[in-house]
C-alpha atoms as a PDB file:
ATOM      1  CA  MET A   1       8.807  -2.050  17.459  1.00  0.00           C
ATOM      2  CA  GLN A   2       7.282   1.429  17.587  1.00  0.00           C
ATOM      3  CA  ILE A   3       6.325   3.095  14.324  1.00  0.00           C
ATOM      4  CA  LYS A   4       6.130   6.809  15.050  1.00  0.00           C
ATOM      5  CA  PHE A   5       7.403   8.260  11.772  1.00  0.00           C
ATOM      6  CA  VAL A   6       6.599   6.931   8.302  1.00  0.00           C
ATOM      7  CA  THR A   7       7.549   8.085   4.814  1.00  0.00           C
ATOM      8  CA  VAL A   8       5.084   7.231   2.047  1.00  0.00           C
ATOM      9  CA  ILE A   9       6.798   7.628  -1.309  1.00  0.00           C
ATOM     10  CA  GLY A  10       4.289   8.457  -4.034  1.00  0.00           C
ATOM     11  CA  ALA A  11       1.655   9.876  -1.685  1.00  0.00           C
ATOM     12  CA  ASN A  12       0.154  11.892  -4.547  1.00  0.00           C
ATOM     13  CA  GLY A  13      -1.175   8.668  -6.124  1.00  0.00           C
ATOM     14  CA  THR A  14      -4.515   7.037  -5.343  1.00  0.00           C
ATOM     15  CA  MET A  15      -3.071   4.235  -3.215  1.00  0.00           C
ATOM     16  CA  GLY A  16      -0.212   6.289  -1.790  1.00  0.00           C
ATOM     17  CA  ARG A  17      -2.458   8.940  -0.277  1.00  0.00           C
ATOM     18  CA  ASN A  18      -4.914   6.327   1.008  1.00  0.00           C
ATOM     19  CA  ILE A  19      -2.124   4.336   2.650  1.00  0.00           C
ATOM     20  CA  ALA A  20      -0.814   7.537   4.216  1.00  0.00           C
ATOM     21  CA  GLY A  21      -4.289   8.152   5.623  1.00  0.00           C
ATOM     22  CA  VAL A  22      -4.508   4.689   7.200  1.00  0.00           C
ATOM     23  CA  LEU A  23      -1.052   5.063   8.762  1.00  0.00           C
ATOM     24  CA  ALA A  24      -1.826   8.531  10.112  1.00  0.00           C
ATOM     25  CA  TYR A  25      -5.340   7.757  11.342  1.00  0.00           C
ATOM     26  CA  LEU A  26      -5.238   4.171  12.621  1.00  0.00           C
ATOM     27  CA  GLY A  27      -1.485   4.062  13.217  1.00  0.00           C
ATOM     28  CA  ASN A  28      -1.364   7.563  14.729  1.00  0.00           C
ATOM     29  CA  ALA A  29       2.013   7.984  13.019  1.00  0.00           C
ATOM     30  CA  ARG A  30       3.556  11.200  11.745  1.00  0.00           C
ATOM     31  CA  VAL A  31       3.509  10.564   8.005  1.00  0.00           C
ATOM     32  CA  TYR A  32       5.689  12.296   5.432  1.00  0.00           C
ATOM     33  CA  LEU A  33       3.613  12.512   2.266  1.00  0.00           C
ATOM     34  CA  LEU A  34       6.455  12.457  -0.252  1.00  0.00           C
ATOM     35  CA  CYS A  35       5.180  13.760  -3.593  1.00  0.00           C
ATOM     36  CA  ARG A  36       6.499  15.262  -6.805  1.00  0.00           C
ATOM     37  CA  SER A  37       5.725  18.677  -5.345  1.00  0.00           C
ATOM     38  CA  LYS A  38       4.426  20.119  -2.087  1.00  0.00           C
ATOM     39  CA  GLU A  39       1.325  21.251  -3.987  1.00  0.00           C
ATOM     40  CA  LYS A  40       0.576  17.587  -4.777  1.00  0.00           C
ATOM     41  CA  ALA A  41       1.116  16.721  -1.117  1.00  0.00           C
ATOM     42  CA  TYR A  42      -1.353  19.383   0.001  1.00  0.00           C
ATOM     43  CA  GLU A  43      -3.869  18.026  -2.525  1.00  0.00           C
ATOM     44  CA  ALA A  44      -3.471  14.580  -0.948  1.00  0.00           C
ATOM     45  CA  ILE A  45      -4.060  16.042   2.519  1.00  0.00           C
ATOM     46  CA  LYS A  46      -7.193  17.826   1.292  1.00  0.00           C
ATOM     47  CA  PHE A  47      -8.468  14.518  -0.090  1.00  0.00           C
ATOM     48  CA  LEU A  48      -7.808  12.698   3.205  1.00  0.00           C
ATOM     49  CA  THR A  49      -9.586  15.336   5.287  1.00  0.00           C
ATOM     50  CA  LYS A  50     -12.710  14.733   3.184  1.00  0.00           C
ATOM     51  CA  ILE A  51     -12.570  11.015   4.033  1.00  0.00           C
ATOM     52  CA  TYR A  52     -11.706  11.173   7.723  1.00  0.00           C
ATOM     53  CA  GLY A  53     -12.860  14.654   8.717  1.00  0.00           C
ATOM     54  CA  GLU A  54     -11.927  15.851  12.189  1.00  0.00           C
ATOM     55  CA  LYS A  55     -11.043  12.295  13.255  1.00  0.00           C
ATOM     56  CA  LEU A  56      -7.715  12.657  11.448  1.00  0.00           C
ATOM     57  CA  SER A  57      -5.122  14.882  13.096  1.00  0.00           C
ATOM     58  CA  LEU A  58      -3.567  17.210  10.539  1.00  0.00           C
ATOM     59  CA  ASP A  59      -0.436  17.217  12.706  1.00  0.00           C
ATOM     60  CA  ASN A  60       0.149  13.654  11.491  1.00  0.00           C
ATOM     61  CA  LEU A  61       0.271  14.661   7.818  1.00  0.00           C
ATOM     62  CA  LEU A  62       3.566  16.214   6.733  1.00  0.00           C
ATOM     63  CA  PRO A  63       3.723  17.451   3.114  1.00  0.00           C
ATOM     64  CA  VAL A  64       7.167  17.120   1.475  1.00  0.00           C
ATOM     65  CA  ASP A  65       8.718  16.782  -1.987  1.00  0.00           C
ATOM     66  CA  TYR A  66      11.587  14.680  -3.315  1.00  0.00           C
ATOM     67  CA  SER A  67      14.204  17.271  -2.412  1.00  0.00           C
ATOM     68  CA  MET A  68      13.681  16.126   1.211  1.00  0.00           C
ATOM     69  CA  ILE A  69      13.739  12.363   0.606  1.00  0.00           C
ATOM     70  CA  ASP A  70      16.995  11.723   2.496  1.00  0.00           C
ATOM     71  CA  GLU A  71      15.901  13.793   5.516  1.00  0.00           C
ATOM     72  CA  CYS A  72      12.504  12.067   5.717  1.00  0.00           C
ATOM     73  CA  ILE A  73      13.864   8.534   5.404  1.00  0.00           C
ATOM     74  CA  ARG A  74      16.555   9.077   8.040  1.00  0.00           C
ATOM     75  CA  LYS A  75      13.779  10.006  10.529  1.00  0.00           C
ATOM     76  CA  SER A  76      11.450   7.125   9.607  1.00  0.00           C
ATOM     77  CA  ASP A  77      10.708   3.850  11.367  1.00  0.00           C
ATOM     78  CA  LEU A  78       8.923   2.618   8.241  1.00  0.00           C
ATOM     79  CA  VAL A  79       9.258   3.605   4.586  1.00  0.00           C
ATOM     80  CA  PHE A  80       6.405   2.652   2.279  1.00  0.00           C
ATOM     81  CA  GLU A  81       7.016   2.773  -1.493  1.00  0.00           C
ATOM     82  CA  SER A  82       3.833   3.435  -3.473  1.00  0.00           C
ATOM     83  CA  VAL A  83       5.039   4.771  -6.821  1.00  0.00           C
ATOM     84  CA  SER A  84       3.629   3.715 -10.208  1.00  0.00           C
ATOM     85  CA  GLU A  85       3.565   0.015 -11.124  1.00  0.00           C
ATOM     86  CA  ASP A  86       6.736   0.078 -13.189  1.00  0.00           C
ATOM     87  CA  MET A  87       9.540  -2.298 -12.248  1.00  0.00           C
ATOM     88  CA  THR A  88      12.392   0.042 -13.177  1.00  0.00           C
ATOM     89  CA  THR A  89      10.856   3.016 -11.372  1.00  0.00           C
ATOM     90  CA  LYS A  90      10.264   0.993  -8.223  1.00  0.00           C
ATOM     91  CA  LYS A  91      13.740  -0.543  -8.200  1.00  0.00           C
ATOM     92  CA  ASP A  92      15.369   2.867  -8.666  1.00  0.00           C
ATOM     93  CA  ILE A  93      13.362   4.365  -5.798  1.00  0.00           C
ATOM     94  CA  LEU A  94      14.051   1.421  -3.490  1.00  0.00           C
ATOM     95  CA  LYS A  95      17.775   1.590  -4.219  1.00  0.00           C
ATOM     96  CA  SER A  96      17.762   5.304  -3.354  1.00  0.00           C
ATOM     97  CA  VAL A  97      15.877   4.624  -0.122  1.00  0.00           C
ATOM     98  CA  SER A  98      18.422   1.986   0.924  1.00  0.00           C
ATOM     99  CA  LEU A  99      21.117   4.683   1.030  1.00  0.00           C
ATOM    100  CA  TYR A 100      19.373   6.528   3.870  1.00  0.00           C
ATOM    101  CA  LEU A 101      17.332   3.831   5.649  1.00  0.00           C
ATOM    102  CA  PRO A 102      18.058   3.716   9.413  1.00  0.00           C
ATOM    103  CA  PRO A 103      19.460   0.390  10.716  1.00  0.00           C
ATOM    104  CA  GLU A 104      16.233  -0.599  12.499  1.00  0.00           C
ATOM    105  CA  ALA A 105      13.710   0.742   9.969  1.00  0.00           C
ATOM    106  CA  CYS A 106      11.561  -1.420   7.680  1.00  0.00           C
ATOM    107  CA  LEU A 107      11.068  -0.903   3.963  1.00  0.00           C
ATOM    108  CA  CYS A 108       7.848  -1.972   2.257  1.00  0.00           C
ATOM    109  CA  THR A 109       6.551  -1.939  -1.289  1.00  0.00           C
ATOM    110  CA  GLY A 110       2.866  -1.612  -2.053  1.00  0.00           C
ATOM    111  CA  THR A 111       3.141  -3.434  -5.378  1.00  0.00           C
ATOM    112  CA  SER A 112      -0.026  -5.266  -6.373  1.00  0.00           C
ATOM    113  CA  GLY A 113       1.745  -8.036  -8.233  1.00  0.00           C
ATOM    114  CA  PHE A 114       5.430  -7.523  -9.051  1.00  0.00           C
ATOM    115  CA  SER A 115       7.880 -10.066  -7.647  1.00  0.00           C
ATOM    116  CA  VAL A 116       9.099  -8.887  -4.244  1.00  0.00           C
ATOM    117  CA  ASN A 117      12.283 -10.919  -4.722  1.00  0.00           C
ATOM    118  CA  LYS A 118      12.905  -9.186  -8.050  1.00  0.00           C
ATOM    119  CA  LEU A 119      12.389  -5.776  -6.456  1.00  0.00           C
ATOM    120  CA  ALA A 120      14.770  -6.728  -3.637  1.00  0.00           C
ATOM    121  CA  GLU A 121      17.620  -8.127  -5.730  1.00  0.00           C
ATOM    122  CA  ASP A 122      19.616  -4.872  -5.986  1.00  0.00           C
ATOM    123  CA  LEU A 123      19.235  -3.976  -2.305  1.00  0.00           C
ATOM    124  CA  PRO A 124      21.975  -4.618   0.288  1.00  0.00           C
ATOM    125  CA  LEU A 125      21.459  -7.811   2.293  1.00  0.00           C
ATOM    126  CA  GLU A 126      20.827  -5.872   5.526  1.00  0.00           C
ATOM    127  CA  VAL A 127      18.017  -3.996   3.797  1.00  0.00           C
ATOM    128  CA  ARG A 128      16.591  -7.122   2.145  1.00  0.00           C
ATOM    129  CA  LYS A 129      16.174  -8.607   5.633  1.00  0.00           C
ATOM    130  CA  ARG A 130      13.840  -5.702   6.444  1.00  0.00           C
ATOM    131  CA  PHE A 131      12.042  -5.543   3.081  1.00  0.00           C
ATOM    132  CA  PHE A 132       8.457  -6.779   2.556  1.00  0.00           C
ATOM    133  CA  GLY A 133       5.593  -6.515   0.140  1.00  0.00           C
ATOM    134  CA  VAL A 134       2.497  -5.044   1.814  1.00  0.00           C
ATOM    135  CA  HIS A 135      -0.398  -5.041  -0.628  1.00  0.00           C
ATOM    136  CA  LEU A 136      -3.440  -3.173   0.651  1.00  0.00           C
ATOM    137  CA  TYR A 137      -6.657  -3.091  -1.324  1.00  0.00           C
ATOM    138  CA  ASN A 138      -8.307   0.029  -2.688  1.00  0.00           C
ATOM    139  CA  PRO A 139      -9.828   1.845  -0.892  1.00  0.00           C
ATOM    140  CA  PRO A 140      -8.036   0.698   2.296  1.00  0.00           C
ATOM    141  CA  ASN A 141     -10.348   2.712   4.552  1.00  0.00           C
ATOM    142  CA  VAL A 142     -13.131   0.348   3.393  1.00  0.00           C
ATOM    143  CA  MET A 143     -11.338  -2.888   2.447  1.00  0.00           C
ATOM    144  CA  SER A 144      -9.282  -4.506   5.197  1.00  0.00           C
ATOM    145  CA  LEU A 145      -7.576  -7.317   3.249  1.00  0.00           C
ATOM    146  CA  CYS A 146      -3.777  -7.102   3.229  1.00  0.00           C
ATOM    147  CA  GLU A 147      -1.284  -9.430   1.557  1.00  0.00           C
ATOM    148  CA  LEU A 148       2.076  -9.601   3.351  1.00  0.00           C
ATOM    149  CA  VAL A 149       4.860 -10.886   1.097  1.00  0.00           C
ATOM    150  CA  PRO A 150       8.345 -11.701   2.439  1.00  0.00           C
ATOM    151  CA  ASN A 151      11.366 -12.039   0.166  1.00  0.00           C
ATOM    152  CA  VAL A 152      13.825 -14.929   0.495  1.00  0.00           C
ATOM    153  CA  ASP A 153      16.044 -12.906   2.854  1.00  0.00           C
ATOM    154  CA  SER A 154      13.299 -11.386   5.028  1.00  0.00           C
ATOM    155  CA  ASN A 155      13.884 -11.701   8.760  1.00  0.00           C
ATOM    156  CA  GLU A 156      11.197 -14.055  10.132  1.00  0.00           C
ATOM    157  CA  LYS A 157      10.997 -12.356  13.523  1.00  0.00           C
ATOM    158  CA  LEU A 158      10.515  -8.997  11.835  1.00  0.00           C
ATOM    159  CA  LEU A 159       7.894 -10.530   9.531  1.00  0.00           C
ATOM    160  CA  ASN A 160       5.888 -11.501  12.620  1.00  0.00           C
ATOM    161  CA  ILE A 161       6.289  -8.011  14.085  1.00  0.00           C
ATOM    162  CA  ILE A 162       5.050  -6.386  10.859  1.00  0.00           C
ATOM    163  CA  GLN A 163       2.106  -8.794  10.741  1.00  0.00           C
ATOM    164  CA  THR A 164       1.137  -7.903  14.303  1.00  0.00           C
ATOM    165  CA  TYR A 165       1.392  -4.184  13.526  1.00  0.00           C
ATOM    166  CA  LEU A 166      -0.807  -4.550  10.445  1.00  0.00           C
ATOM    167  CA  GLU A 167      -3.397  -6.606  12.309  1.00  0.00           C
ATOM    168  CA  SER A 168      -3.483  -4.937  15.718  1.00  0.00           C
ATOM    169  CA  THR A 169      -2.740  -1.313  14.864  1.00  0.00           C
ATOM    170  CA  LEU A 170      -3.885  -0.874  11.250  1.00  0.00           C
ATOM    171  CA  LYS A 171      -6.809  -3.328  11.632  1.00  0.00           C
ATOM    172  CA  ARG A 172      -5.900  -5.352   8.545  1.00  0.00           C
ATOM    173  CA  ASN A 173      -6.940  -8.914   7.766  1.00  0.00           C
ATOM    174  CA  VAL A 174      -3.459 -10.173   6.915  1.00  0.00           C
ATOM    175  CA  VAL A 175      -2.635 -13.121   4.682  1.00  0.00           C
ATOM    176  CA  ILE A 176       1.023 -14.082   4.290  1.00  0.00           C
ATOM    177  CA  VAL A 177       1.451 -15.082   0.654  1.00  0.00           C
ATOM    178  CA  LYS A 178       4.164 -16.504  -1.547  1.00  0.00           C
ATOM    179  CA  ASP A 179       5.967 -14.341  -4.078  1.00  0.00           C
ATOM    180  CA  THR A 180       3.898 -15.434  -7.083  1.00  0.00           C
ATOM    181  CA  PRO A 181       2.626 -13.188  -9.936  1.00  0.00           C
ATOM    182  CA  ALA A 182      -0.302 -11.030  -8.738  1.00  0.00           C
ATOM    183  CA  PHE A 183      -0.128 -12.886  -5.377  1.00  0.00           C
ATOM    184  CA  ILE A 184      -3.530 -14.367  -4.397  1.00  0.00           C
ATOM    185  CA  GLY A 185      -6.192 -11.670  -4.317  1.00  0.00           C
ATOM    186  CA  ASN A 186      -5.577 -10.239  -7.775  1.00  0.00           C
ATOM    187  CA  ARG A 187      -5.184 -13.667  -9.356  1.00  0.00           C
ATOM    188  CA  ILE A 188      -8.660 -14.515  -8.089  1.00  0.00           C
ATOM    189  CA  GLY A 189      -9.975 -10.994  -8.666  1.00  0.00           C
ATOM    190  CA  PHE A 190      -8.969 -10.801 -12.325  1.00  0.00           C
ATOM    191  CA  GLN A 191     -10.751 -14.088 -13.037  1.00  0.00           C
ATOM    192  CA  PHE A 192     -13.818 -12.817 -11.187  1.00  0.00           C
ATOM    193  CA  LEU A 193     -13.823  -9.539 -13.154  1.00  0.00           C
ATOM    194  CA  ASN A 194     -13.353 -11.385 -16.431  1.00  0.00           C
ATOM    195  CA  LYS A 195     -16.328 -13.633 -15.666  1.00  0.00           C
ATOM    196  CA  ALA A 196     -18.416 -10.602 -14.643  1.00  0.00           C
ATOM    197  CA  LEU A 197     -17.670  -8.920 -17.989  1.00  0.00           C
ATOM    198  CA  ILE A 198     -18.653 -12.053 -19.890  1.00  0.00           C
ATOM    199  CA  LEU A 199     -21.946 -12.180 -17.981  1.00  0.00           C
ATOM    200  CA  ALA A 200     -22.530  -8.444 -18.549  1.00  0.00           C
ATOM    201  CA  GLU A 201     -22.217  -9.019 -22.287  1.00  0.00           C
ATOM    202  CA  ARG A 202     -24.485 -12.079 -22.154  1.00  0.00           C
ATOM    203  CA  TYR A 203     -27.203 -10.209 -20.274  1.00  0.00           C
ATOM    204  CA  LYS A 204     -26.855  -6.796 -21.929  1.00  0.00           C
ATOM    205  CA  ASP A 205     -30.579  -6.872 -22.789  1.00  0.00           C
ATOM    206  CA  LYS A 206     -31.293  -6.796 -19.018  1.00  0.00           C
ATOM    207  CA  GLY A 207     -28.930  -3.930 -18.233  1.00  0.00           C
ATOM    208  CA  GLY A 208     -25.500  -5.417 -18.841  1.00  0.00           C
ATOM    209  CA  VAL A 209     -22.911  -3.961 -16.477  1.00  0.00           C
ATOM    210  CA  ASP A 210     -25.495  -2.405 -14.127  1.00  0.00           C
ATOM    211  CA  TYR A 211     -27.408  -5.675 -13.946  1.00  0.00           C
ATOM    212  CA  ILE A 212     -24.344  -7.761 -13.076  1.00  0.00           C
ATOM    213  CA  ASP A 213     -23.059  -5.114 -10.636  1.00  0.00           C
ATOM    214  CA  SER A 214     -26.357  -5.205  -8.762  1.00  0.00           C
ATOM    215  CA  ILE A 215     -26.176  -8.991  -8.427  1.00  0.00           C
ATOM    216  CA  LEU A 216     -22.472  -9.306  -7.604  1.00  0.00           C
ATOM    217  CA  GLY A 217     -22.244  -6.289  -5.279  1.00  0.00           C
ATOM    218  CA  VAL A 218     -23.679  -5.813  -1.782  1.00  0.00           C
ATOM    219  CA  ASN A 219     -26.360  -8.444  -2.424  1.00  0.00           C
ATOM    220  CA  THR A 220     -23.667 -11.134  -2.327  1.00  0.00           C
ATOM    221  CA  GLY A 221     -21.773  -9.692   0.629  1.00  0.00           C
ATOM    222  CA  ARG A 222     -19.154  -7.686  -1.274  1.00  0.00           C
ATOM    223  CA  SER A 223     -18.387  -4.152  -0.136  1.00  0.00           C
ATOM    224  CA  MET A 224     -17.873  -3.094  -3.770  1.00  0.00           C
ATOM    225  CA  SER A 225     -19.461  -4.307  -6.999  1.00  0.00           C
ATOM    226  CA  PRO A 226     -17.163  -5.490  -9.818  1.00  0.00           C
END
């Protein structure tokens, strides 16, 4: 499976633009940055050029707005939904995408915790077979962890192909996870953050948040402090 053209829906958001950058830079794909307006898309491109500099080909970043959604999707090998974490909004967008998705293209959601099966339930069976949750961590140019979440109808062969693409091309550390609330990383992460806040309160006389951040950051092997 060759992924040459990708549409990232919601590329004006923090994760959307970062995902677009990873796909364009590491994947060397032509990426449609689908935003509420072309101005928002150009802002996303400006942000990405600050991160990647001359290493990122501007030819791979294509600014578009929602008036071009059907045209972009029909040309795409992969469509990545990265709109706000609202179930209704995501389901509406995914249903719209399914109308234009090419027969061989994959559809992914970047949700950080919504049920992938719930998001898939209104999609046609042929689309559900090619629908996956792909949860990257922020910022993805620094953090390589990726949770890959199939739905009950996902094609197993295609799941393996997507995993290989994420690992070999996008340099992700992929974990295939079950469709449980918040998956694995966030379920652990929220408990970790909660404990860090409790400790920050307990040791506020020693610096509180800054004190705990210094201990639980790079000194313990984490790329980012809590």
